[in-house]
């Protein structure tokens, strides 16, 4: 189901909690609340393709950022500074 709901938080956990609250409230309003006369339209609607495009662009950029951070750590060994001395 696509509800086109957004949540923003200072952390991933906060954003998830806010989104869960929004979904619960949306479903309650559509099924039992003031909007129950419009339940089929509210529960079966699809998010606009523009929203999906933005989602996938952000997801792609996040994955690229994570990959570049991982590659940066993997290929940057600690190299001692100063001249090398033979024992």
N, C-alpha and C. Protein backbone atom coordinates (compact mmCIF):
# COMPACT_ATOMS: atom_id res chain seq x y z
N UNK A 1 0.84 -1.18 0.00
CA UNK A 1 0.00 0.00 0.00
C UNK A 1 0.88 1.25 0.00
N UNK A 2 0.48 2.22 -0.74
CA UNK A 2 1.20 3.50 -0.81
C UNK A 2 0.32 4.56 -0.17
N UNK A 3 0.77 5.12 0.93
CA UNK A 3 -0.01 6.16 1.59
C UNK A 3 0.56 7.54 1.38
N UNK A 4 1.74 7.65 0.80
CA UNK A 4 2.43 8.92 0.60
C UNK A 4 2.56 9.68 1.92
N UNK A 5 3.05 8.99 2.91
CA UNK A 5 3.29 9.60 4.21
C UNK A 5 4.79 9.78 4.38
N UNK A 6 5.17 10.86 5.04
CA UNK A 6 6.58 11.16 5.28
C UNK A 6 6.80 11.39 6.76
N UNK A 7 7.98 11.04 7.23
CA UNK A 7 8.35 11.31 8.62
C UNK A 7 9.82 11.69 8.65
N UNK A 8 10.13 12.66 9.46
CA UNK A 8 11.51 13.12 9.62
C UNK A 8 11.84 13.10 11.10
N UNK A 9 13.04 12.65 11.41
CA UNK A 9 13.48 12.64 12.80
C UNK A 9 14.96 12.88 12.89
N UNK A 10 15.44 13.08 14.10
CA UNK A 10 16.87 13.29 14.31
C UNK A 10 17.66 11.99 14.18
N UNK A 11 16.96 10.86 14.25
CA UNK A 11 17.60 9.56 14.09
C UNK A 11 16.66 8.66 13.29
N UNK A 12 17.19 7.56 12.82
CA UNK A 12 16.38 6.61 12.07
C UNK A 12 15.26 6.06 12.94
N UNK A 13 15.56 5.77 14.19
CA UNK A 13 14.55 5.24 15.10
C UNK A 13 13.41 6.23 15.33
N UNK A 14 13.74 7.50 15.47
CA UNK A 14 12.73 8.53 15.67
C UNK A 14 11.85 8.67 14.43
N UNK A 15 12.46 8.66 13.25
CA UNK A 15 11.70 8.76 12.01
C UNK A 15 10.78 7.55 11.84
N UNK A 16 11.29 6.35 12.17
CA UNK A 16 10.46 5.15 12.08
C UNK A 16 9.27 5.23 13.02
N UNK A 17 9.52 5.66 14.26
CA UNK A 17 8.43 5.76 15.24
C UNK A 17 7.38 6.75 14.78
N UNK A 18 7.80 7.88 14.23
CA UNK A 18 6.85 8.88 13.74
C UNK A 18 6.05 8.34 12.55
N UNK A 19 6.72 7.60 11.67
CA UNK A 19 6.03 7.04 10.52
C UNK A 19 5.01 5.98 10.94
N UNK A 20 5.37 5.16 11.89
CA UNK A 20 4.43 4.16 12.41
C UNK A 20 3.21 4.83 13.01
N UNK A 21 3.42 5.90 13.77
CA UNK A 21 2.29 6.66 14.33
C UNK A 21 1.41 7.24 13.23
N UNK A 22 2.02 7.77 12.18
CA UNK A 22 1.26 8.33 11.06
C UNK A 22 0.44 7.25 10.36
N UNK A 23 1.03 6.08 10.16
CA UNK A 23 0.32 4.99 9.50
C UNK A 23 -0.87 4.54 10.35
N UNK A 24 -0.64 4.38 11.66
CA UNK A 24 -1.73 3.99 12.56
C UNK A 24 -2.88 4.99 12.50
N UNK A 25 -2.55 6.28 12.55
CA UNK A 25 -3.58 7.31 12.52
C UNK A 25 -4.30 7.33 11.17
N UNK A 26 -3.56 7.17 10.09
CA UNK A 26 -4.14 7.16 8.75
C UNK A 26 -5.13 6.00 8.62
N UNK A 27 -4.70 4.81 9.04
CA UNK A 27 -5.58 3.64 8.94
C UNK A 27 -6.81 3.79 9.82
N UNK A 28 -6.63 4.31 11.02
CA UNK A 28 -7.78 4.51 11.90
C UNK A 28 -8.78 5.47 11.26
N UNK A 29 -8.29 6.59 10.76
CA UNK A 29 -9.18 7.57 10.12
C UNK A 29 -9.89 6.97 8.91
N UNK A 30 -9.18 6.16 8.13
CA UNK A 30 -9.78 5.59 6.92
C UNK A 30 -10.77 4.47 7.23
N UNK A 31 -10.54 3.72 8.29
CA UNK A 31 -11.39 2.56 8.58
C UNK A 31 -12.49 2.88 9.59
N UNK A 32 -12.16 3.62 10.64
CA UNK A 32 -13.13 3.86 11.70
C UNK A 32 -13.46 5.33 11.93
N UNK A 33 -12.63 6.21 11.46
CA UNK A 33 -12.77 7.63 11.76
C UNK A 33 -13.68 8.37 10.80
N UNK A 34 -13.47 9.67 10.74
CA UNK A 34 -14.31 10.55 9.93
C UNK A 34 -14.24 10.26 8.43
N UNK A 35 -13.17 9.63 7.98
CA UNK A 35 -12.99 9.40 6.54
C UNK A 35 -13.42 8.01 6.09
N UNK A 36 -14.14 7.27 6.93
CA UNK A 36 -14.47 5.89 6.58
C UNK A 36 -15.34 5.78 5.32
N UNK A 37 -16.07 6.82 4.98
CA UNK A 37 -16.85 6.79 3.74
C UNK A 37 -15.94 6.75 2.50
N UNK A 38 -14.71 7.18 2.66
CA UNK A 38 -13.75 7.23 1.55
C UNK A 38 -12.68 6.14 1.66
N UNK A 39 -12.92 5.14 2.51
CA UNK A 39 -11.92 4.10 2.78
C UNK A 39 -11.37 3.44 1.53
N UNK A 40 -12.21 3.00 0.57
CA UNK A 40 -11.61 2.35 -0.61
C UNK A 40 -10.63 3.25 -1.36
N UNK A 41 -10.96 4.49 -1.52
CA UNK A 41 -10.06 5.41 -2.23
C UNK A 41 -8.79 5.67 -1.43
N UNK A 42 -8.92 5.79 -0.12
CA UNK A 42 -7.76 6.09 0.71
C UNK A 42 -6.83 4.89 0.86
N UNK A 43 -7.40 3.69 0.92
CA UNK A 43 -6.58 2.51 1.16
C UNK A 43 -5.99 1.91 -0.12
N UNK A 44 -6.54 2.25 -1.27
CA UNK A 44 -6.07 1.67 -2.52
C UNK A 44 -5.32 2.65 -3.41
N UNK A 45 -5.11 3.87 -2.94
CA UNK A 45 -4.43 4.85 -3.77
C UNK A 45 -2.94 4.54 -3.87
N UNK A 46 -2.36 4.98 -4.94
CA UNK A 46 -0.93 4.77 -5.18
C UNK A 46 -0.19 6.09 -5.06
N UNK A 47 1.04 6.01 -4.60
CA UNK A 47 1.88 7.20 -4.53
C UNK A 47 2.21 7.66 -5.95
N UNK A 48 2.31 8.97 -6.17
CA UNK A 48 2.69 9.47 -7.50
C UNK A 48 4.09 8.98 -7.89
N UNK A 49 4.30 8.80 -9.19
CA UNK A 49 5.60 8.30 -9.65
C UNK A 49 6.73 9.24 -9.27
N UNK A 50 6.44 10.53 -9.13
CA UNK A 50 7.49 11.49 -8.75
C UNK A 50 8.01 11.19 -7.35
N UNK A 51 7.11 10.80 -6.46
CA UNK A 51 7.54 10.44 -5.10
C UNK A 51 8.42 9.20 -5.11
N UNK A 52 8.04 8.21 -5.94
CA UNK A 52 8.88 7.02 -6.05
C UNK A 52 10.24 7.36 -6.65
N UNK A 53 10.27 8.23 -7.65
CA UNK A 53 11.54 8.62 -8.27
C UNK A 53 12.45 9.29 -7.24
N UNK A 54 11.91 10.20 -6.44
CA UNK A 54 12.71 10.86 -5.40
C UNK A 54 13.22 9.83 -4.40
N UNK A 55 12.34 8.90 -4.00
CA UNK A 55 12.74 7.86 -3.05
C UNK A 55 13.93 7.06 -3.59
N UNK A 56 13.83 6.60 -4.83
CA UNK A 56 14.90 5.77 -5.38
C UNK A 56 16.18 6.56 -5.63
N UNK A 57 16.08 7.83 -5.95
CA UNK A 57 17.28 8.66 -6.11
C UNK A 57 17.98 8.82 -4.76
N UNK A 58 17.22 9.12 -3.72
CA UNK A 58 17.81 9.26 -2.38
C UNK A 58 18.41 7.94 -1.92
N UNK A 59 17.71 6.84 -2.15
CA UNK A 59 18.22 5.52 -1.78
C UNK A 59 19.53 5.23 -2.50
N UNK A 60 19.58 5.52 -3.80
CA UNK A 60 20.80 5.30 -4.58
C UNK A 60 21.96 6.13 -4.03
N UNK A 61 21.71 7.41 -3.75
CA UNK A 61 22.77 8.28 -3.24
C UNK A 61 23.26 7.81 -1.88
N UNK A 62 22.36 7.35 -1.03
CA UNK A 62 22.75 6.83 0.28
C UNK A 62 23.63 5.60 0.13
N UNK A 63 23.24 4.72 -0.79
CA UNK A 63 24.04 3.51 -1.02
C UNK A 63 25.42 3.86 -1.57
N UNK A 64 25.50 4.83 -2.45
CA UNK A 64 26.80 5.28 -2.98
C UNK A 64 27.66 5.85 -1.87
N UNK A 65 27.05 6.64 -1.00
CA UNK A 65 27.79 7.23 0.11
C UNK A 65 28.33 6.15 1.04
N UNK A 66 27.48 5.16 1.36
CA UNK A 66 27.92 4.07 2.22
C UNK A 66 29.05 3.28 1.59
N UNK A 67 28.93 3.03 0.28
CA UNK A 67 29.97 2.29 -0.43
C UNK A 67 31.27 3.07 -0.45
N UNK A 68 31.20 4.37 -0.71
CA UNK A 68 32.44 5.16 -0.75
C UNK A 68 33.10 5.23 0.62
N UNK A 69 32.30 5.29 1.68
CA UNK A 69 32.88 5.28 3.03
C UNK A 69 33.55 3.94 3.31
N UNK A 70 32.89 2.85 2.90
CA UNK A 70 33.47 1.53 3.12
C UNK A 70 34.76 1.36 2.32
N UNK A 71 34.75 1.79 1.05
CA UNK A 71 35.95 1.69 0.23
C UNK A 71 37.07 2.55 0.79
N UNK A 72 36.72 3.73 1.29
CA UNK A 72 37.73 4.61 1.87
C UNK A 72 38.42 3.97 3.07
N UNK A 73 37.65 3.26 3.88
CA UNK A 73 38.22 2.57 5.04
C UNK A 73 39.01 1.34 4.62
N UNK A 74 38.53 0.64 3.62
CA UNK A 74 39.19 -0.60 3.20
C UNK A 74 40.53 -0.36 2.52
N UNK A 75 40.68 0.76 1.80
CA UNK A 75 41.88 1.00 1.04
C UNK A 75 42.75 2.13 1.59
N UNK A 76 42.59 2.45 2.84
CA UNK A 76 43.47 3.47 3.43
C UNK A 76 44.10 2.92 4.70
N UNK A 77 45.09 2.06 4.54
CA UNK A 77 45.75 1.50 5.73
C UNK A 77 46.55 2.59 6.44
N UNK A 78 46.76 2.36 7.70
CA UNK A 78 47.57 3.30 8.49
C UNK A 78 49.03 3.14 8.08
N UNK A 79 49.61 4.19 7.54
CA UNK A 79 51.00 4.17 7.12
C UNK A 79 51.78 5.04 8.10
N UNK A 80 52.83 4.45 8.68
CA UNK A 80 53.58 5.24 9.65
C UNK A 80 54.31 6.40 8.98
N UNK A 81 54.37 7.50 9.68
CA UNK A 81 55.06 8.68 9.17
C UNK A 81 56.50 8.68 9.62
N UNK A 82 57.35 9.25 8.82
CA UNK A 82 58.76 9.34 9.18
C UNK A 82 59.59 8.32 8.42
N UNK A 83 60.91 8.41 8.54
CA UNK A 83 61.78 7.51 7.80
C UNK A 83 61.69 6.09 8.35
N UNK A 84 61.91 5.14 7.47
CA UNK A 84 61.91 3.73 7.86
C UNK A 84 63.30 3.39 8.38
N UNK A 85 63.37 2.73 9.53
CA UNK A 85 64.66 2.34 10.12
C UNK A 85 64.77 0.83 10.15
N UNK A 86 65.89 0.36 9.62
CA UNK A 86 66.14 -1.08 9.65
C UNK A 86 66.58 -1.47 11.04
N UNK A 87 66.18 -2.65 11.44
CA UNK A 87 66.55 -3.11 12.78
C UNK A 87 67.92 -3.73 12.81
